[in-house]
Amino acid sequence: MADIISTTGPSTINRENIQRKIVVSANVAGRDLKSVVHQIKERIHDTIQLPENYHIQYGGQFESEAHASKILLLTSLMSLFIIFLLLYQEFKNIKLAGIVFLNLPLALIGGVLSIWFTGGIISIPSIIGFITLFGIATRNGILLVSRYQTLQSQGVALSEAVMKGSSDKLNPILMTALTTALALIPLAITGDLPGNEIQSPMAIVILGGLLSSTLLNIFIVPVVYSVSEKNKAGAFPCRSPLDKNNP
């Protein structure tokens, strides 16, 4: 009727959604989880041909991280939109709001470079660091543009308002950057210690973004504001009512 033989096989058969399931698990050390999973996918695609009705699903911590990254991406875009709306509400001018919004790509430069120099891994903590960085960079732009507007409303000429406003707000901007950097440096240099896996990437992004936004903000925002105001004055020249050629 049958032959009795000894062979190996699964001790239990697990099922999920009426389908058989085999779990293959592994721990990652010394590398980021995302790059390891991508390498596994490439190796499986090149060397393994699955039978019909078989498929591979990557779950666990990688699945949770991918889901969290999508949510953070949406919230980041929403935060940028809300920041622009708040700037427009503050200045009642799209052009001025855009000048302040210019600080965000300036901060993005330093954040991306800091990630590139420290391993090139964009993780959830680094994305949170970018969101935090955008708030600090926006504050610096608001300080400068608000001061320019205040001085011009007092009758100060454009060039003098830009020079005086920049010098007036230089100390607050540098003080904010310095105190923030002093608080984040210990977190950035101790990323290999247990418990700092989340704090260190976030601190590195904020430090790099603060450096680029602070240095570039001092030069680029005054120049852009001056050019914008000069073009505005050129577009609507003032004419004397005594001018005979004035229609």
Protein backbone atom coordinates (compact mmCIF):
# COMPACT_ATOMS: atom_id res chain seq x y z
CA MET A 1 0.00 0.00 0.00
CA ALA A 2 2.81 2.43 0.85
CA ASP A 3 6.53 2.73 1.51
CA ILE A 4 7.64 4.19 4.84
CA ILE A 5 10.75 6.38 4.50
CA SER A 6 12.49 8.96 6.69
CA THR A 7 12.89 12.45 5.27
CA THR A 8 12.94 16.10 6.36
CA GLY A 9 10.05 18.55 6.20
CA PRO A 10 8.35 21.35 8.10
CA SER A 11 7.26 20.43 11.60
CA THR A 12 4.27 22.73 11.27
CA ILE A 13 2.44 24.30 8.33
CA ASN A 14 1.48 27.93 8.90
CA ARG A 15 -1.30 29.60 6.98
CA GLU A 16 -2.42 33.18 6.45
CA ASN A 17 -5.54 34.08 4.48
CA ILE A 18 -6.00 30.39 3.63
CA GLN A 19 -2.54 30.29 2.03
CA ARG A 20 0.51 28.44 3.24
CA LYS A 21 3.24 30.65 4.64
CA ILE A 22 6.91 30.14 5.44
CA VAL A 23 8.69 32.89 7.41
CA VAL A 24 12.38 33.53 6.75
CA SER A 25 13.76 36.07 9.21
CA ALA A 26 17.12 37.76 9.65
CA ASN A 27 18.71 40.57 11.64
CA VAL A 28 20.71 43.41 10.09
CA ALA A 29 23.88 44.74 11.71
CA GLY A 30 26.29 47.37 10.45
CA ARG A 31 24.08 48.46 7.54
CA ASP A 32 20.75 50.13 7.00
CA LEU A 33 17.71 47.93 6.61
CA LYS A 34 16.53 49.44 3.34
CA SER A 35 19.73 48.77 1.38
CA VAL A 36 19.88 45.20 2.70
CA VAL A 37 16.33 44.46 1.58
CA HIS A 38 17.01 45.95 -1.86
CA GLN A 39 20.07 43.74 -2.22
CA ILE A 40 18.04 40.69 -1.17
CA LYS A 41 15.42 41.54 -3.79
CA GLU A 42 18.04 41.83 -6.51
CA ARG A 43 19.69 38.53 -5.50
CA ILE A 44 16.35 36.70 -5.44
CA HIS A 45 15.32 38.17 -8.79
CA ASP A 46 18.59 37.04 -10.40
CA THR A 47 18.94 33.57 -8.88
CA ILE A 48 15.50 32.25 -7.87
CA GLN A 49 12.56 31.40 -10.10
CA LEU A 50 9.42 30.93 -8.04
CA PRO A 51 6.94 28.19 -8.94
CA GLU A 52 3.44 29.09 -10.03
CA ASN A 53 1.18 30.59 -7.32
CA TYR A 54 4.19 31.38 -5.10
CA HIS A 55 5.16 34.92 -4.12
CA ILE A 56 7.49 36.69 -1.68
CA GLN A 57 6.32 39.40 0.69
CA TYR A 58 8.78 41.55 2.63
CA GLY A 59 7.41 42.41 6.05
CA GLY A 60 8.47 43.05 9.59
CA GLN A 61 10.41 46.19 10.42
CA PHE A 62 11.05 46.95 6.73
CA GLU A 63 7.32 47.03 5.99
CA SER A 64 6.66 49.31 8.97
CA GLU A 65 9.47 51.65 7.94
CA ALA A 66 8.20 51.87 4.36
CA HIS A 67 4.70 52.70 5.58
CA ALA A 68 6.03 55.33 8.00
CA SER A 69 8.16 56.88 5.23
CA LYS A 70 5.09 57.35 3.03
CA ILE A 71 3.20 59.02 5.86
CA LEU A 72 6.16 61.30 6.63
CA LEU A 73 6.47 62.26 2.96
CA LEU A 74 2.82 63.34 2.87
CA THR A 75 3.13 65.23 6.15
CA SER A 76 6.29 66.94 4.88
CA LEU A 77 4.48 68.20 1.78
CA MET A 78 1.59 69.34 3.95
CA SER A 79 3.95 71.17 6.29
CA LEU A 80 5.55 73.01 3.36
CA PHE A 81 2.11 74.08 2.12
CA ILE A 82 1.08 75.23 5.61
CA ILE A 83 4.35 77.16 6.01
CA PHE A 84 3.70 79.02 2.76
CA LEU A 85 0.12 79.82 3.82
CA LEU A 86 1.36 81.19 7.15
CA LEU A 87 3.96 83.30 5.38
CA TYR A 88 1.33 84.70 3.04
CA GLN A 89 -0.91 85.42 6.03
CA GLU A 90 1.97 87.26 7.69
CA PHE A 91 3.11 89.43 4.78
CA LYS A 92 -0.06 89.55 2.61
CA ASN A 93 2.26 89.30 -0.38
CA ILE A 94 3.10 86.22 -2.43
CA LYS A 95 6.47 87.62 -3.47
CA LEU A 96 7.61 88.29 0.10
CA ALA A 97 6.36 84.88 1.17
CA GLY A 98 8.38 83.36 -1.66
CA ILE A 99 11.52 85.20 -0.54
CA VAL A 100 11.20 83.77 2.96
CA PHE A 101 10.35 80.37 1.49
CA LEU A 102 13.69 80.55 -0.33
CA ASN A 103 15.35 79.62 2.96
CA LEU A 104 14.00 76.07 2.69
CA PRO A 105 16.09 74.97 -0.31
CA LEU A 106 19.08 76.73 1.27
CA ALA A 107 18.63 74.56 4.35
CA LEU A 108 17.97 71.51 2.17
CA ILE A 109 21.43 71.86 0.61
CA GLY A 110 23.25 71.41 3.91
CA GLY A 111 20.96 68.63 5.08
CA VAL A 112 21.44 66.57 1.92
CA LEU A 113 25.22 67.10 1.96
CA SER A 114 25.43 66.05 5.60
CA ILE A 115 23.58 62.81 4.79
CA TRP A 116 25.86 62.19 1.82
CA PHE A 117 29.04 62.68 3.87
CA THR A 118 27.82 60.42 6.69
CA GLY A 119 26.76 57.41 4.62
CA GLY A 120 24.06 58.53 2.20
CA ILE A 121 21.15 56.95 4.08
CA ILE A 122 17.83 58.82 4.20
CA SER A 123 15.96 57.36 7.16
CA ILE A 124 12.86 58.31 9.09
CA PRO A 125 14.88 60.28 11.72
CA SER A 126 16.58 62.27 8.95
CA ILE A 127 13.20 63.15 7.41
CA ILE A 128 12.03 64.37 10.83
CA GLY A 129 15.22 66.43 10.99
CA PHE A 130 14.35 68.10 7.67
CA ILE A 131 10.90 69.06 8.95
CA THR A 132 12.44 70.59 12.08
CA LEU A 133 15.04 72.35 9.97
CA PHE A 134 12.43 73.95 7.74
CA GLY A 135 10.88 75.64 10.76
CA ILE A 136 14.20 77.12 11.93
CA ALA A 137 15.12 78.31 8.43
CA THR A 138 11.72 79.95 7.95
CA ARG A 139 12.13 81.85 11.22
CA ASN A 140 15.43 83.35 10.03
CA GLY A 141 13.86 84.55 6.80
CA ILE A 142 10.92 86.10 8.65
CA LEU A 143 13.33 88.02 10.91
CA LEU A 144 15.14 89.56 7.95
CA VAL A 145 12.16 90.40 5.73
CA SER A 146 10.11 91.78 8.63
CA ARG A 147 12.98 94.07 9.61
CA TYR A 148 13.37 95.29 6.03
CA GLN A 149 9.66 96.07 5.86
CA THR A 150 9.74 97.93 9.18
CA LEU A 151 12.66 100.12 8.14
CA GLN A 152 11.13 100.93 4.77
CA SER A 153 7.86 101.90 6.43
CA GLN A 154 9.86 104.40 8.48
CA GLY A 155 11.13 106.06 5.30
CA VAL A 156 14.54 104.42 5.09
CA ALA A 157 15.90 103.90 1.59
CA LEU A 158 15.93 100.37 0.19
CA SER A 159 19.70 99.84 0.16
CA GLU A 160 20.11 101.28 3.64
CA ALA A 161 17.14 99.27 4.95
CA VAL A 162 18.67 96.04 3.64
CA MET A 163 22.10 96.80 5.10
CA LYS A 164 20.81 97.96 8.47
CA GLY A 165 18.18 95.22 8.72
CA SER A 166 20.73 92.51 7.96
CA SER A 167 23.17 93.83 10.57
CA ASP A 168 20.39 94.19 13.15
CA LYS A 169 19.23 90.59 12.76
CA LEU A 170 22.67 89.03 12.30
CA ASN A 171 23.22 88.45 16.02
CA PRO A 172 19.82 86.78 16.68
CA ILE A 173 20.27 84.49 13.67
CA LEU A 174 23.81 83.49 14.63
CA MET A 175 22.80 83.05 18.27
CA THR A 176 19.97 80.70 17.31
CA ALA A 177 22.23 78.65 15.04
CA LEU A 178 25.04 78.49 17.59
CA THR A 179 22.92 77.43 20.55
CA THR A 180 21.10 74.82 18.46
CA ALA A 181 24.40 73.46 17.13
CA LEU A 182 25.95 73.23 20.60
CA ALA A 183 22.97 71.18 21.77
CA LEU A 184 23.02 68.84 18.75
CA ILE A 185 26.77 68.18 18.40
CA PRO A 186 26.89 65.60 21.26
CA LEU A 187 23.99 63.71 19.66
CA ALA A 188 25.56 63.80 16.20
CA ILE A 189 28.95 62.39 17.24
CA THR A 190 27.58 59.60 19.44
CA GLY A 191 25.50 57.78 16.84
CA ASP A 192 27.22 54.46 17.55
CA LEU A 193 26.02 54.39 21.16
CA PRO A 194 22.89 52.38 22.05
CA GLY A 195 19.77 54.54 22.10
CA ASN A 196 21.11 57.19 19.70
CA GLU A 197 20.06 55.45 16.50
CA ILE A 198 17.18 57.90 16.07
CA GLN A 199 18.67 61.06 17.58
CA SER A 200 21.98 61.02 15.69
CA PRO A 201 20.66 61.09 12.06
CA MET A 202 18.19 63.82 12.99
CA ALA A 203 20.93 65.90 14.64
CA ILE A 204 23.26 65.49 11.64
CA VAL A 205 20.60 66.75 9.22
CA ILE A 206 19.75 69.75 11.39
CA LEU A 207 23.42 70.67 11.85
CA GLY A 208 24.18 70.53 8.13
CA GLY A 209 21.04 72.45 7.22
CA LEU A 210 21.69 75.11 9.86
CA LEU A 211 25.19 75.67 8.52
CA SER A 212 24.12 76.14 4.90
CA SER A 213 20.95 78.12 5.63
CA THR A 214 22.67 80.49 8.07
CA LEU A 215 25.61 81.24 5.76
CA LEU A 216 23.59 81.51 2.55
CA ASN A 217 20.64 83.28 4.19
CA ILE A 218 22.83 86.26 5.15
CA PHE A 219 23.79 86.88 1.52
CA ILE A 220 21.05 85.49 -0.74
CA VAL A 221 17.90 86.76 0.99
CA PRO A 222 19.07 90.44 1.10
CA VAL A 223 20.09 90.26 -2.57
CA VAL A 224 16.81 88.69 -3.67
CA TYR A 225 14.80 91.16 -1.59
CA SER A 226 16.71 94.14 -3.07
CA VAL A 227 16.22 92.94 -6.63
CA SER A 228 12.54 92.25 -5.99
CA GLU A 229 11.90 95.69 -4.52
CA LYS A 230 13.86 97.44 -7.29
CA ASN A 231 11.83 95.63 -9.94
CA LYS A 232 8.67 96.60 -8.10
CA ALA A 233 9.70 100.25 -8.03
CA GLY A 234 10.68 100.09 -11.70
CA ALA A 235 7.36 98.61 -12.69
CA PHE A 236 5.42 101.46 -11.04
CA PRO A 237 7.52 104.64 -11.41
CA CYS A 238 6.42 107.70 -9.48
CA ARG A 239 5.71 110.83 -11.52
CA SER A 240 5.39 114.32 -10.33
CA PRO A 241 1.98 115.95 -10.80
CA LEU A 242 3.83 119.02 -12.14
CA ASP A 243 5.22 117.00 -15.02
CA LYS A 244 3.67 118.36 -18.20
CA ASN A 245 4.10 115.06 -19.95
CA ASN A 246 2.18 113.27 -17.24
CA PRO A 247 -1.17 112.15 -18.77
